C-alpha atoms as a PDB file:
ATOM      1  CA  MET A   1     -66.642 -87.071  27.536  1.00  0.00           C
ATOM      2  CA  ARG A   2     -69.037 -90.400  29.195  1.00  0.00           C
ATOM      3  CA  ILE A   3     -72.315 -89.218  28.417  1.00  0.00           C
ATOM      4  CA  ALA A   4     -75.667 -90.818  29.343  1.00  0.00           C
ATOM      5  CA  ILE A   5     -78.955 -90.498  27.205  1.00  0.00           C
ATOM      6  CA  PHE A   6     -81.935 -90.844  29.398  1.00  0.00           C
ATOM      7  CA  GLY A   7     -84.631 -91.254  26.943  1.00  0.00           C
ATOM      8  CA  SER A   8     -83.461 -92.518  23.669  1.00  0.00           C
ATOM      9  CA  GLY A   9     -86.316 -91.654  21.771  1.00  0.00           C
ATOM     10  CA  GLY A  10     -86.184 -89.536  18.144  1.00  0.00           C
ATOM     11  CA  VAL A  11     -84.529 -86.419  20.165  1.00  0.00           C
ATOM     12  CA  GLY A  12     -82.162 -88.377  22.513  1.00  0.00           C
ATOM     13  CA  ALA A  13     -80.723 -91.238  20.395  1.00  0.00           C
ATOM     14  CA  TYR A  14     -80.303 -89.392  17.534  1.00  0.00           C
ATOM     15  CA  PHE A  15     -77.836 -86.963  19.308  1.00  0.00           C
ATOM     16  CA  GLY A  16     -76.602 -89.786  21.632  1.00  0.00           C
ATOM     17  CA  GLY A  17     -75.879 -91.796  18.123  1.00  0.00           C
ATOM     18  CA  ARG A  18     -73.584 -88.485  16.691  1.00  0.00           C
ATOM     19  CA  LEU A  19     -71.368 -88.319  19.742  1.00  0.00           C
ATOM     20  CA  ALA A  20     -71.035 -91.789  19.902  1.00  0.00           C
ATOM     21  CA  ARG A  21     -70.082 -91.821  16.008  1.00  0.00           C
ATOM     22  CA  ALA A  22     -67.359 -89.210  17.057  1.00  0.00           C
ATOM     23  CA  GLY A  23     -66.311 -91.344  19.202  1.00  0.00           C
ATOM     24  CA  HIS A  24     -67.497 -90.194  22.609  1.00  0.00           C
ATOM     25  CA  GLY A  25     -68.739 -92.870  25.402  1.00  0.00           C
ATOM     26  CA  VAL A  26     -72.240 -92.665  25.058  1.00  0.00           C
ATOM     27  CA  ALA A  27     -74.607 -94.796  27.096  1.00  0.00           C
ATOM     28  CA  PHE A  28     -78.407 -94.983  27.050  1.00  0.00           C
ATOM     29  CA  VAL A  29     -81.043 -95.195  29.463  1.00  0.00           C
ATOM     30  CA  ALA A  30     -84.061 -97.422  27.155  1.00  0.00           C
ATOM     31  CA  ARG A  31     -87.071 -99.564  27.920  1.00  0.00           C
ATOM     32  CA  GLY A  32     -88.877-102.355  26.375  1.00  0.00           C
ATOM     33  CA  ALA A  33     -88.164-103.404  22.778  1.00  0.00           C
ATOM     34  CA  HIS A  34     -86.275-100.127  21.951  1.00  0.00           C
ATOM     35  CA  LEU A  35     -83.580-101.588  24.595  1.00  0.00           C
ATOM     36  CA  GLU A  36     -83.237-105.243  23.361  1.00  0.00           C
ATOM     37  CA  ALA A  37     -82.940-103.726  19.839  1.00  0.00           C
ATOM     38  CA  LEU A  38     -80.046-101.281  20.793  1.00  0.00           C
ATOM     39  CA  ARG A  39     -78.292-103.837  22.856  1.00  0.00           C
ATOM     40  CA  ARG A  40     -78.341-107.176  20.056  1.00  0.00           C
ATOM     41  CA  ASP A  41     -78.269-104.731  16.597  1.00  0.00           C
ATOM     42  CA  GLY A  42     -77.204-101.396  17.914  1.00  0.00           C
ATOM     43  CA  LEU A  43     -78.448 -98.085  16.354  1.00  0.00           C
ATOM     44  CA  ALA A  44     -79.944 -97.437  12.950  1.00  0.00           C
ATOM     45  CA  VAL A  45     -80.765 -93.754  12.343  1.00  0.00           C
ATOM     46  CA  GLU A  46     -82.499 -92.791   8.947  1.00  0.00           C
ATOM     47  CA  SER A  47     -81.270 -89.317   8.354  1.00  0.00           C
ATOM     48  CA  VAL A  48     -82.232 -86.361   5.713  1.00  0.00           C
ATOM     49  CA  ALA A  49     -78.472 -85.540   6.943  1.00  0.00           C
ATOM     50  CA  GLY A  50     -77.169 -89.117   5.958  1.00  0.00           C
ATOM     51  CA  ASP A  51     -77.905 -92.340   7.487  1.00  0.00           C
ATOM     52  CA  PHE A  52     -75.334 -93.830   9.990  1.00  0.00           C
ATOM     53  CA  ALA A  53     -75.527 -96.928  12.347  1.00  0.00           C
ATOM     54  CA  VAL A  54     -73.484 -97.084  15.358  1.00  0.00           C
ATOM     55  CA  ARG A  55     -72.229-100.689  16.610  1.00  0.00           C
ATOM     56  CA  PRO A  56     -72.276-101.864  19.397  1.00  0.00           C
ATOM     57  CA  VAL A  57     -74.710 -99.735  22.204  1.00  0.00           C
ATOM     58  CA  GLU A  58     -74.167 -98.933  25.244  1.00  0.00           C
ATOM     59  CA  ALA A  59     -77.627 -99.406  26.549  1.00  0.00           C
ATOM     60  CA  ALA A  60     -79.860-100.475  30.055  1.00  0.00           C
ATOM     61  CA  SER A  61     -82.678 -99.190  31.753  1.00  0.00           C
ATOM     62  CA  ASP A  62     -81.280 -99.444  34.855  1.00  0.00           C
ATOM     63  CA  PRO A  63     -79.019 -96.067  35.531  1.00  0.00           C
ATOM     64  CA  ARG A  64     -76.947 -98.217  37.740  1.00  0.00           C
ATOM     65  CA  GLU A  65     -76.087-100.336  35.063  1.00  0.00           C
ATOM     66  CA  ILE A  66     -74.298 -97.417  33.429  1.00  0.00           C
ATOM     67  CA  GLY A  67     -72.875 -95.468  36.418  1.00  0.00           C
ATOM     68  CA  PRO A  68     -71.732 -91.669  37.098  1.00  0.00           C
ATOM     69  CA  VAL A  69     -71.233 -90.179  33.983  1.00  0.00           C
ATOM     70  CA  ASP A  70     -69.690 -86.842  33.113  1.00  0.00           C
ATOM     71  CA  ALA A  71     -72.937 -85.130  31.594  1.00  0.00           C
ATOM     72  CA  VAL A  72     -76.819 -86.205  30.876  1.00  0.00           C
ATOM     73  CA  LEU A  73     -79.027 -85.258  28.448  1.00  0.00           C
ATOM     74  CA  VAL A  74     -82.812 -85.680  28.814  1.00  0.00           C
ATOM     75  CA  GLY A  75     -84.474 -86.519  26.146  1.00  0.00           C
ATOM     76  CA  VAL A  76     -87.648 -87.582  27.748  1.00  0.00           C
ATOM     77  CA  LYS A  77     -90.930 -86.162  27.304  1.00  0.00           C
ATOM     78  CA  ALA A  78     -91.778 -83.017  29.093  1.00  0.00           C
ATOM     79  CA  TRP A  79     -93.699 -84.276  31.782  1.00  0.00           C
ATOM     80  CA  GLN A  80     -91.503 -87.339  32.626  1.00  0.00           C
ATOM     81  CA  VAL A  81     -89.034 -84.722  33.121  1.00  0.00           C
ATOM     82  CA  ARG A  82     -89.243 -85.547  37.284  1.00  0.00           C
ATOM     83  CA  GLU A  83     -89.573 -89.311  37.216  1.00  0.00           C
ATOM     84  CA  ALA A  84     -86.408 -89.420  35.364  1.00  0.00           C
ATOM     85  CA  ALA A  85     -84.608 -86.753  37.464  1.00  0.00           C
ATOM     86  CA  LYS A  86     -85.575 -89.206  40.563  1.00  0.00           C
ATOM     87  CA  ALA A  87     -84.499 -92.258  38.435  1.00  0.00           C
ATOM     88  CA  MET A  88     -80.909 -90.369  37.543  1.00  0.00           C
ATOM     89  CA  GLY A  89     -79.321 -90.611  41.202  1.00  0.00           C
ATOM     90  CA  PRO A  90     -76.638 -93.311  39.882  1.00  0.00           C
ATOM     91  CA  LEU A  91     -75.484 -90.735  37.105  1.00  0.00           C
ATOM     92  CA  LEU A  92     -74.505 -88.189  38.740  1.00  0.00           C
ATOM     93  CA  GLY A  93     -70.610 -88.079  40.076  1.00  0.00           C
ATOM     94  CA  PRO A  94     -69.325 -85.266  41.664  1.00  0.00           C
ATOM     95  CA  GLU A  95     -69.220 -83.113  38.624  1.00  0.00           C
ATOM     96  CA  THR A  96     -71.663 -84.350  36.357  1.00  0.00           C
ATOM     97  CA  PHE A  97     -74.007 -81.406  34.516  1.00  0.00           C
ATOM     98  CA  VAL A  98     -77.265 -82.033  32.922  1.00  0.00           C
ATOM     99  CA  VAL A  99     -78.775 -80.870  29.889  1.00  0.00           C
ATOM    100  CA  PRO A 100     -82.988 -81.335  29.408  1.00  0.00           C
ATOM    101  CA  LEU A 101     -84.376 -81.032  25.797  1.00  0.00           C
ATOM    102  CA  GLN A 102     -87.469 -80.818  26.098  1.00  0.00           C
ATOM    103  CA  ASN A 103     -89.761 -78.597  24.224  1.00  0.00           C
ATOM    104  CA  GLY A 104     -91.247 -75.527  26.929  1.00  0.00           C
ATOM    105  CA  VAL A 105     -89.683 -73.358  29.337  1.00  0.00           C
ATOM    106  CA  GLU A 106     -90.085 -75.707  32.829  1.00  0.00           C
ATOM    107  CA  ALA A 107     -87.775 -78.326  32.023  1.00  0.00           C
ATOM    108  CA  ALA A 108     -84.606 -76.782  33.882  1.00  0.00           C
ATOM    109  CA  GLU A 109     -86.687 -75.902  37.283  1.00  0.00           C
ATOM    110  CA  GLU A 110     -87.582 -79.407  37.662  1.00  0.00           C
ATOM    111  CA  LEU A 111     -85.028 -80.986  37.617  1.00  0.00           C
ATOM    112  CA  ALA A 112     -82.983 -78.367  40.044  1.00  0.00           C
ATOM    113  CA  ASP A 113     -86.132 -79.072  42.050  1.00  0.00           C
ATOM    114  CA  VAL A 114     -84.464 -82.703  42.506  1.00  0.00           C
ATOM    115  CA  ILE A 115     -81.204 -82.845  41.919  1.00  0.00           C
ATOM    116  CA  GLY A 116     -80.228 -79.292  42.437  1.00  0.00           C
ATOM    117  CA  ALA A 117     -79.624 -76.478  40.576  1.00  0.00           C
ATOM    118  CA  SER A 118     -76.177 -76.107  40.516  1.00  0.00           C
ATOM    119  CA  ARG A 119     -75.727 -79.788  37.868  1.00  0.00           C
ATOM    120  CA  VAL A 120     -78.830 -77.888  35.733  1.00  0.00           C
ATOM    121  CA  LEU A 121     -77.780 -76.352  32.406  1.00  0.00           C
ATOM    122  CA  GLY A 122     -80.582 -74.963  30.013  1.00  0.00           C
ATOM    123  CA  GLY A 123     -80.770 -76.063  27.109  1.00  0.00           C
ATOM    124  CA  LEU A 124     -83.128 -76.886  23.632  1.00  0.00           C
ATOM    125  CA  CYS A 125     -83.002 -78.665  20.449  1.00  0.00           C
ATOM    126  CA  ARG A 126     -83.876 -78.558  17.030  1.00  0.00           C
ATOM    127  CA  ILE A 127     -85.331 -81.470  14.990  1.00  0.00           C
ATOM    128  CA  MET A 128     -87.759 -83.267  13.444  1.00  0.00           C
ATOM    129  CA  SER A 129     -87.378 -87.110  14.208  1.00  0.00           C
ATOM    130  CA  PHE A 130     -89.126 -90.037  15.921  1.00  0.00           C
ATOM    131  CA  VAL A 131     -88.774 -93.803  16.766  1.00  0.00           C
ATOM    132  CA  ALA A 132     -89.607 -95.618  13.126  1.00  0.00           C
ATOM    133  CA  GLY A 133     -89.316 -99.490  15.506  1.00  0.00           C
ATOM    134  CA  PRO A 134     -87.322-100.979  17.939  1.00  0.00           C
ATOM    135  CA  GLY A 135     -83.542 -99.399  17.233  1.00  0.00           C
ATOM    136  CA  ARG A 136     -84.303 -97.290  14.213  1.00  0.00           C
ATOM    137  CA  ILE A 137     -85.186 -93.768  14.050  1.00  0.00           C
ATOM    138  CA  ARG A 138     -85.677 -91.824  11.489  1.00  0.00           C
ATOM    139  CA  HIS A 139     -84.829 -87.735  10.882  1.00  0.00           C
ATOM    140  CA  THR A 140     -86.972 -85.961   9.033  1.00  0.00           C
ATOM    141  CA  GLY A 141     -87.080 -82.416   8.682  1.00  0.00           C
ATOM    142  CA  ILE A 142     -85.090 -79.237  10.240  1.00  0.00           C
ATOM    143  CA  ALA A 143     -81.660 -79.374  10.486  1.00  0.00           C
ATOM    144  CA  PRO A 144     -80.778 -80.899  14.002  1.00  0.00           C
ATOM    145  CA  ARG A 145     -78.859 -78.304  16.143  1.00  0.00           C
ATOM    146  CA  ILE A 146     -79.118 -78.110  19.598  1.00  0.00           C
ATOM    147  CA  GLU A 147     -78.329 -75.199  22.345  1.00  0.00           C
ATOM    148  CA  PHE A 148     -77.184 -74.988  25.767  1.00  0.00           C
ATOM    149  CA  GLY A 149     -75.508 -72.752  28.572  1.00  0.00           C
ATOM    150  CA  GLU A 150     -75.454 -71.823  32.005  1.00  0.00           C
ATOM    151  CA  ARG A 151     -78.836 -70.524  33.443  1.00  0.00           C
ATOM    152  CA  ASP A 152     -77.090 -67.720  34.418  1.00  0.00           C
ATOM    153  CA  GLY A 153     -75.625 -66.560  31.242  1.00  0.00           C
ATOM    154  CA  ARG A 154     -72.074 -66.838  32.729  1.00  0.00           C
ATOM    155  CA  THR A 155     -69.136 -69.182  30.731  1.00  0.00           C
ATOM    156  CA  SER A 156     -68.232 -72.411  31.790  1.00  0.00           C
ATOM    157  CA  ALA A 157     -65.652 -75.276  31.530  1.00  0.00           C
ATOM    158  CA  ARG A 158     -67.876 -77.656  31.413  1.00  0.00           C
ATOM    159  CA  VAL A 159     -70.405 -75.399  28.818  1.00  0.00           C
ATOM    160  CA  ALA A 160     -67.337 -75.456  26.672  1.00  0.00           C
ATOM    161  CA  ALA A 161     -66.445 -79.192  27.038  1.00  0.00           C
ATOM    162  CA  LEU A 162     -69.807 -79.995  26.369  1.00  0.00           C
ATOM    163  CA  ARG A 163     -69.692 -77.766  23.151  1.00  0.00           C
ATOM    164  CA  ASP A 164     -66.205 -79.146  22.092  1.00  0.00           C
ATOM    165  CA  ALA A 165     -67.404 -82.340  22.216  1.00  0.00           C
ATOM    166  CA  PHE A 166     -70.485 -81.439  19.504  1.00  0.00           C
ATOM    167  CA  ALA A 167     -68.318 -79.938  17.380  1.00  0.00           C
ATOM    168  CA  GLN A 168     -66.516 -82.949  17.149  1.00  0.00           C
ATOM    169  CA  ALA A 169     -69.871 -84.522  15.434  1.00  0.00           C
ATOM    170  CA  GLU A 170     -71.033 -84.228  12.380  1.00  0.00           C
ATOM    171  CA  GLY A 171     -75.078 -83.963  11.172  1.00  0.00           C
ATOM    172  CA  LEU A 172     -75.831 -80.827  13.516  1.00  0.00           C
ATOM    173  CA  SER A 173     -74.828 -77.888  15.070  1.00  0.00           C
ATOM    174  CA  ALA A 174     -74.622 -76.995  19.054  1.00  0.00           C
ATOM    175  CA  VAL A 175     -74.330 -73.459  19.817  1.00  0.00           C
ATOM    176  CA  THR A 176     -73.948 -71.740  23.348  1.00  0.00           C
ATOM    177  CA  PRO A 177     -76.510 -68.324  23.086  1.00  0.00           C
ATOM    178  CA  PRO A 178     -75.615 -65.476  25.140  1.00  0.00           C
ATOM    179  CA  ASP A 179     -78.806 -65.543  27.136  1.00  0.00           C
ATOM    180  CA  ILE A 180     -80.690 -69.426  27.009  1.00  0.00           C
ATOM    181  CA  ALA A 181     -83.752 -68.366  28.406  1.00  0.00           C
ATOM    182  CA  VAL A 182     -84.118 -66.108  25.621  1.00  0.00           C
ATOM    183  CA  ALA A 183     -83.247 -68.927  22.993  1.00  0.00           C
ATOM    184  CA  LEU A 184     -85.986 -71.414  25.031  1.00  0.00           C
ATOM    185  CA  TRP A 185     -88.933 -68.668  24.913  1.00  0.00           C
ATOM    186  CA  GLU A 186     -88.024 -68.184  21.070  1.00  0.00           C
ATOM    187  CA  LYS A 187     -88.326 -71.623  20.715  1.00  0.00           C
ATOM    188  CA  PHE A 188     -91.583 -71.604  22.817  1.00  0.00           C
ATOM    189  CA  LEU A 189     -92.837 -69.023  21.092  1.00  0.00           C
ATOM    190  CA  PHE A 190     -92.366 -71.268  17.392  1.00  0.00           C
ATOM    191  CA  ILE A 191     -93.448 -74.809  18.988  1.00  0.00           C
ATOM    192  CA  ALA A 192     -96.499 -74.157  21.609  1.00  0.00           C
ATOM    193  CA  PRO A 193     -98.671 -72.501  18.984  1.00  0.00           C
ATOM    194  CA  VAL A 194     -98.005 -74.615  16.197  1.00  0.00           C
ATOM    195  CA  SER A 195     -98.317 -77.798  18.309  1.00  0.00           C
ATOM    196  CA  ALA A 196    -101.822 -76.155  19.270  1.00  0.00           C
ATOM    197  CA  VAL A 197    -102.840 -75.076  16.593  1.00  0.00           C
ATOM    198  CA  GLY A 198    -102.213 -78.411  14.361  1.00  0.00           C
ATOM    199  CA  ALA A 199    -103.704 -80.487  16.760  1.00  0.00           C
ATOM    200  CA  VAL A 200    -106.961 -78.390  16.815  1.00  0.00           C
ATOM    201  CA  THR A 201    -107.577 -78.363  13.510  1.00  0.00           C
ATOM    202  CA  ARG A 202    -106.202 -82.018  12.699  1.00  0.00           C
ATOM    203  CA  MET A 203    -103.740 -80.018   9.957  1.00  0.00           C
ATOM    204  CA  PRO A 204    -100.265 -80.189   8.774  1.00  0.00           C
ATOM    205  CA  ALA A 205     -98.745 -76.341   8.749  1.00  0.00           C
ATOM    206  CA  GLY A 206     -99.108 -75.707   5.453  1.00  0.00           C
ATOM    207  CA  ALA A 207    -103.071 -75.767   5.733  1.00  0.00           C
ATOM    208  CA  PHE A 208    -102.971 -74.507   8.699  1.00  0.00           C
ATOM    209  CA  ARG A 209    -100.997 -71.109   8.465  1.00  0.00           C
ATOM    210  CA  ALA A 210    -102.680 -70.445   4.900  1.00  0.00           C
ATOM    211  CA  VAL A 211    -106.241 -70.252   6.151  1.00  0.00           C
ATOM    212  CA  PRO A 212    -107.161 -66.455   7.495  1.00  0.00           C
ATOM    213  CA  GLU A 213    -108.506 -67.651   9.949  1.00  0.00           C
ATOM    214  CA  THR A 214    -106.231 -70.471  11.603  1.00  0.00           C
ATOM    215  CA  ARG A 215    -103.624 -68.267  10.723  1.00  0.00           C
ATOM    216  CA  VAL A 216    -105.271 -65.151  13.036  1.00  0.00           C
ATOM    217  CA  MET A 217    -105.251 -67.927  15.947  1.00  0.00           C
ATOM    218  CA  LEU A 218    -101.960 -68.867  15.460  1.00  0.00           C
ATOM    219  CA  GLU A 219    -100.442 -65.092  15.910  1.00  0.00           C
ATOM    220  CA  GLN A 220    -102.714 -64.220  18.379  1.00  0.00           C
ATOM    221  CA  SER A 221    -100.907 -66.817  20.720  1.00  0.00           C
ATOM    222  CA  MET A 222     -97.528 -65.892  19.708  1.00  0.00           C
ATOM    223  CA  GLY A 223     -98.686 -62.404  21.001  1.00  0.00           C
ATOM    224  CA  GLU A 224     -99.717 -63.980  24.543  1.00  0.00           C
ATOM    225  CA  ILE A 225     -96.437 -66.260  24.590  1.00  0.00           C
ATOM    226  CA  LEU A 226     -94.517 -62.934  23.845  1.00  0.00           C
ATOM    227  CA  ALA A 227     -96.383 -60.841  26.526  1.00  0.00           C
ATOM    228  CA  LEU A 228     -95.574 -63.434  29.283  1.00  0.00           C
ATOM    229  CA  ALA A 229     -92.236 -63.672  27.978  1.00  0.00           C
ATOM    230  CA  HIS A 230     -91.318 -59.883  28.681  1.00  0.00           C
ATOM    231  CA  ALA A 231     -93.450 -60.117  31.739  1.00  0.00           C
ATOM    232  CA  ARG A 232     -91.206 -62.737  33.040  1.00  0.00           C
ATOM    233  CA  GLY A 233     -88.144 -60.998  32.293  1.00  0.00           C
ATOM    234  CA  VAL A 234     -87.179 -62.042  29.021  1.00  0.00           C
ATOM    235  CA  ASP A 235     -86.828 -59.830  26.465  1.00  0.00           C
ATOM    236  CA  LEU A 236     -87.761 -61.347  22.717  1.00  0.00           C
ATOM    237  CA  GLY A 237     -87.509 -58.599  21.085  1.00  0.00           C
ATOM    238  CA  ALA A 238     -90.567 -56.482  19.460  1.00  0.00           C
ATOM    239  CA  ASP A 239     -90.351 -58.260  15.723  1.00  0.00           C
ATOM    240  CA  SER A 240     -89.888 -61.619  17.181  1.00  0.00           C
ATOM    241  CA  VAL A 241     -93.158 -62.776  16.163  1.00  0.00           C
ATOM    242  CA  ALA A 242     -92.478 -61.921  12.934  1.00  0.00           C
ATOM    243  CA  ARG A 243     -89.709 -63.647  12.493  1.00  0.00           C
ATOM    244  CA  THR A 244     -91.291 -66.570  14.249  1.00  0.00           C
ATOM    245  CA  LEU A 245     -93.950 -66.297  11.226  1.00  0.00           C
ATOM    246  CA  THR A 246     -91.580 -66.065   8.547  1.00  0.00           C
ATOM    247  CA  ILE A 247     -89.901 -69.570   9.923  1.00  0.00           C
ATOM    248  CA  ILE A 248     -93.567 -70.734  10.402  1.00  0.00           C
ATOM    249  CA  ASP A 249     -94.314 -70.323   6.781  1.00  0.00           C
ATOM    250  CA  GLY A 250     -91.015 -71.825   5.566  1.00  0.00           C
ATOM    251  CA  LEU A 251     -91.970 -75.119   6.784  1.00  0.00           C
ATOM    252  CA  PRO A 252     -92.362 -77.927   4.197  1.00  0.00           C
ATOM    253  CA  PRO A 253     -96.625 -78.107   4.060  1.00  0.00           C
ATOM    254  CA  ASP A 254     -96.939 -81.481   5.684  1.00  0.00           C
ATOM    255  CA  VAL A 255     -94.947 -80.842   8.778  1.00  0.00           C
ATOM    256  CA  THR A 256     -96.803 -81.672  11.870  1.00  0.00           C
ATOM    257  CA  ALA A 257     -95.429 -80.959  15.554  1.00  0.00           C
ATOM    258  CA  SER A 258     -94.776 -84.036  18.040  1.00  0.00           C
ATOM    259  CA  MET A 259     -97.522 -83.213  20.303  1.00  0.00           C
ATOM    260  CA  GLN A 260    -100.135 -82.774  17.404  1.00  0.00           C
ATOM    261  CA  ARG A 261     -98.863 -86.412  16.507  1.00  0.00           C
ATOM    262  CA  ASP A 262     -99.314 -87.542  20.091  1.00  0.00           C
ATOM    263  CA  ILE A 263    -102.828 -86.048  20.404  1.00  0.00           C
ATOM    264  CA  LEU A 264    -104.069 -86.970  17.053  1.00  0.00           C
ATOM    265  CA  GLU A 265    -103.349 -90.911  17.844  1.00  0.00           C
ATOM    266  CA  GLY A 266    -104.528 -90.769  21.431  1.00  0.00           C
ATOM    267  CA  ARG A 267    -101.284 -90.764  23.424  1.00  0.00           C
ATOM    268  CA  PRO A 268    -100.317 -88.618  26.362  1.00  0.00           C
ATOM    269  CA  SER A 269     -99.264 -85.507  25.298  1.00  0.00           C
ATOM    270  CA  GLU A 270     -97.198 -82.574  26.206  1.00  0.00           C
ATOM    271  CA  LEU A 271     -99.931 -80.219  26.066  1.00  0.00           C
ATOM    272  CA  ASP A 272     -99.461 -79.275  29.602  1.00  0.00           C
ATOM    273  CA  TYR A 273     -96.194 -78.750  29.090  1.00  0.00           C
ATOM    274  CA  GLN A 274     -96.737 -76.645  25.836  1.00  0.00           C
ATOM    275  CA  VAL A 275     -99.713 -74.114  25.667  1.00  0.00           C
ATOM    276  CA  GLY A 276    -101.284 -75.563  29.277  1.00  0.00           C
ATOM    277  CA  ALA A 277     -97.917 -73.803  30.352  1.00  0.00           C
ATOM    278  CA  VAL A 278     -99.276 -70.372  28.556  1.00  0.00           C
ATOM    279  CA  VAL A 279    -101.972 -70.595  30.550  1.00  0.00           C
ATOM    280  CA  ARG A 280    -101.195 -71.859  33.237  1.00  0.00           C
ATOM    281  CA  LEU A 281     -97.984 -69.086  33.885  1.00  0.00           C
ATOM    282  CA  ALA A 282    -100.492 -66.217  32.835  1.00  0.00           C
ATOM    283  CA  ALA A 283    -102.201 -65.588  35.302  1.00  0.00           C
ATOM    284  CA  PRO A 284     -99.793 -65.064  37.654  1.00  0.00           C
ATOM    285  CA  ALA A 285     -97.844 -62.718  35.743  1.00  0.00           C
ATOM    286  CA  GLY A 286    -100.782 -60.484  34.869  1.00  0.00           C
ATOM    287  CA  VAL A 287    -100.890 -61.569  31.091  1.00  0.00           C
ATOM    288  CA  SER A 288    -103.909 -62.001  29.517  1.00  0.00           C
ATOM    289  CA  ALA A 289    -103.828 -65.323  27.094  1.00  0.00           C
ATOM    290  CA  PRO A 290    -107.512 -65.933  25.566  1.00  0.00           C
ATOM    291  CA  ALA A 291    -106.235 -67.713  22.514  1.00  0.00           C
ATOM    292  CA  SER A 292    -104.015 -70.096  24.468  1.00  0.00           C
ATOM    293  CA  ALA A 293    -107.088 -70.642  26.781  1.00  0.00           C
ATOM    294  CA  PHE A 294    -109.102 -71.792  24.009  1.00  0.00           C
ATOM    295  CA  LEU A 295    -106.408 -74.335  22.478  1.00  0.00           C
ATOM    296  CA  TYR A 296    -106.124 -75.534  25.811  1.00  0.00           C
ATOM    297  CA  ALA A 297    -109.646 -76.025  26.623  1.00  0.00           C
ATOM    298  CA  SER A 298    -110.106 -77.609  23.023  1.00  0.00           C
ATOM    299  CA  LEU A 299    -107.956 -80.319  23.311  1.00  0.00           C
ATOM    300  CA  LEU A 300    -107.952 -81.236  27.161  1.00  0.00           C
ATOM    301  CA  PRO A 301    -110.458 -83.934  27.035  1.00  0.00           C
ATOM    302  CA  ALA A 302    -108.384 -86.082  24.257  1.00  0.00           C
ATOM    303  CA  GLU A 303    -105.510 -85.473  26.476  1.00  0.00           C
ATOM    304  CA  ARG A 304    -107.536 -86.673  29.304  1.00  0.00           C
ATOM    305  CA  ARG A 305    -108.871 -90.164  27.664  1.00  0.00           C
ATOM    306  CA  ALA A 306    -105.063 -90.635  26.463  1.00  0.00           C
ATOM    307  CA  ARG A 307    -103.601 -90.193  30.207  1.00  0.00           C
ATOM    308  CA  ALA A 308    -107.173 -92.620  31.714  1.00  0.00           C
ATOM    309  CA  GLN A 309    -106.344 -95.054  29.096  1.00  0.00           C
ATOM    310  CA  SER A 310    -102.532 -95.083  29.037  1.00  0.00           C
ATOM    311  CA  THR A 311    -103.065 -95.024  33.377  1.00  0.00           C
ATOM    312  CA  ASN A 312    -105.635 -97.971  32.804  1.00  0.00           C
ATOM    313  CA  ALA A 313    -103.516 -99.859  30.457  1.00  0.00           C
ATOM    314  CA  GLY A 314    -101.007 -99.955  32.623  1.00  0.00           C
ATOM    315  CA  ALA A 315     -98.259 -97.862  30.779  1.00  0.00           C
ATOM    316  CA  LYS A 316     -95.359 -96.938  32.962  1.00  0.00           C
ATOM    317  CA  GLY A 317     -91.658 -95.871  32.510  1.00  0.00           C
ATOM    318  CA  PHE A 318     -89.831 -93.228  30.039  1.00  0.00           C
ATOM    319  CA  PRO A 319     -90.691 -94.020  26.328  1.00  0.00           C
ATOM    320  CA  SER A 320     -88.292 -95.660  24.254  1.00  0.00           C
END
């Protein structure tokens, strides 16, 4: 397959790099020093699943230099999805489909609003990785996993083709769940509370899960997401909070979430698409979400300051 990676940071570059190593035609959309390093030196990935490199690398800042592809994997931050959708037109041929990999539960709908619902699959990934420097990705934890599927639950040739492409790649697992909405909300039940409680406490998972008061806050936030999922017709199962807490308890104690790191380091974050989305979606669904509202309000001043500073500094475009 020929695949474009739109947003070649820790997530996009890792999965794209694995696909390229498996022999697929992969083109990376990137910017700035990261783009120049990819073009000059290729992609280097330091991974707990085994280091690897891809040389040479096809990379561009302008999708017109790449042209139509079979599939687009969207790896930008959640708050950049609409901007990415508006820019990816040159990548879209008659049969091209698009897979969002963002945290949260709204990316597919945002893409569909811009490029059409028929092109968009549901998708998510699980990995801890980041850009360690221009052209370098560091994967530090969690067995890399990507999940995708048709949003109406049907089987399709394009889902099978992408699954087969990933099956040829080492260092990851690819899953096509029977209901991608359930898979998205299961991840949301994990990532939004962990990100928000970690950011509010300024502590890694091992610290905030061990303190009874913050553990209660974590459980309350998870319970609100479970109620919201059910109100929106997504059945996660009555034991989903307990199962997710077991996963959190099994994380390495020094784990931090990407949203948490962005907030603590003064960068714009996915706050509005994680715990903020819980608050935004809860009211029209008739769901009470006081814990999520507290977490969101506590983090909002830092988020607004980071966005104001980013705007004043002239930041633009997509993350590398």
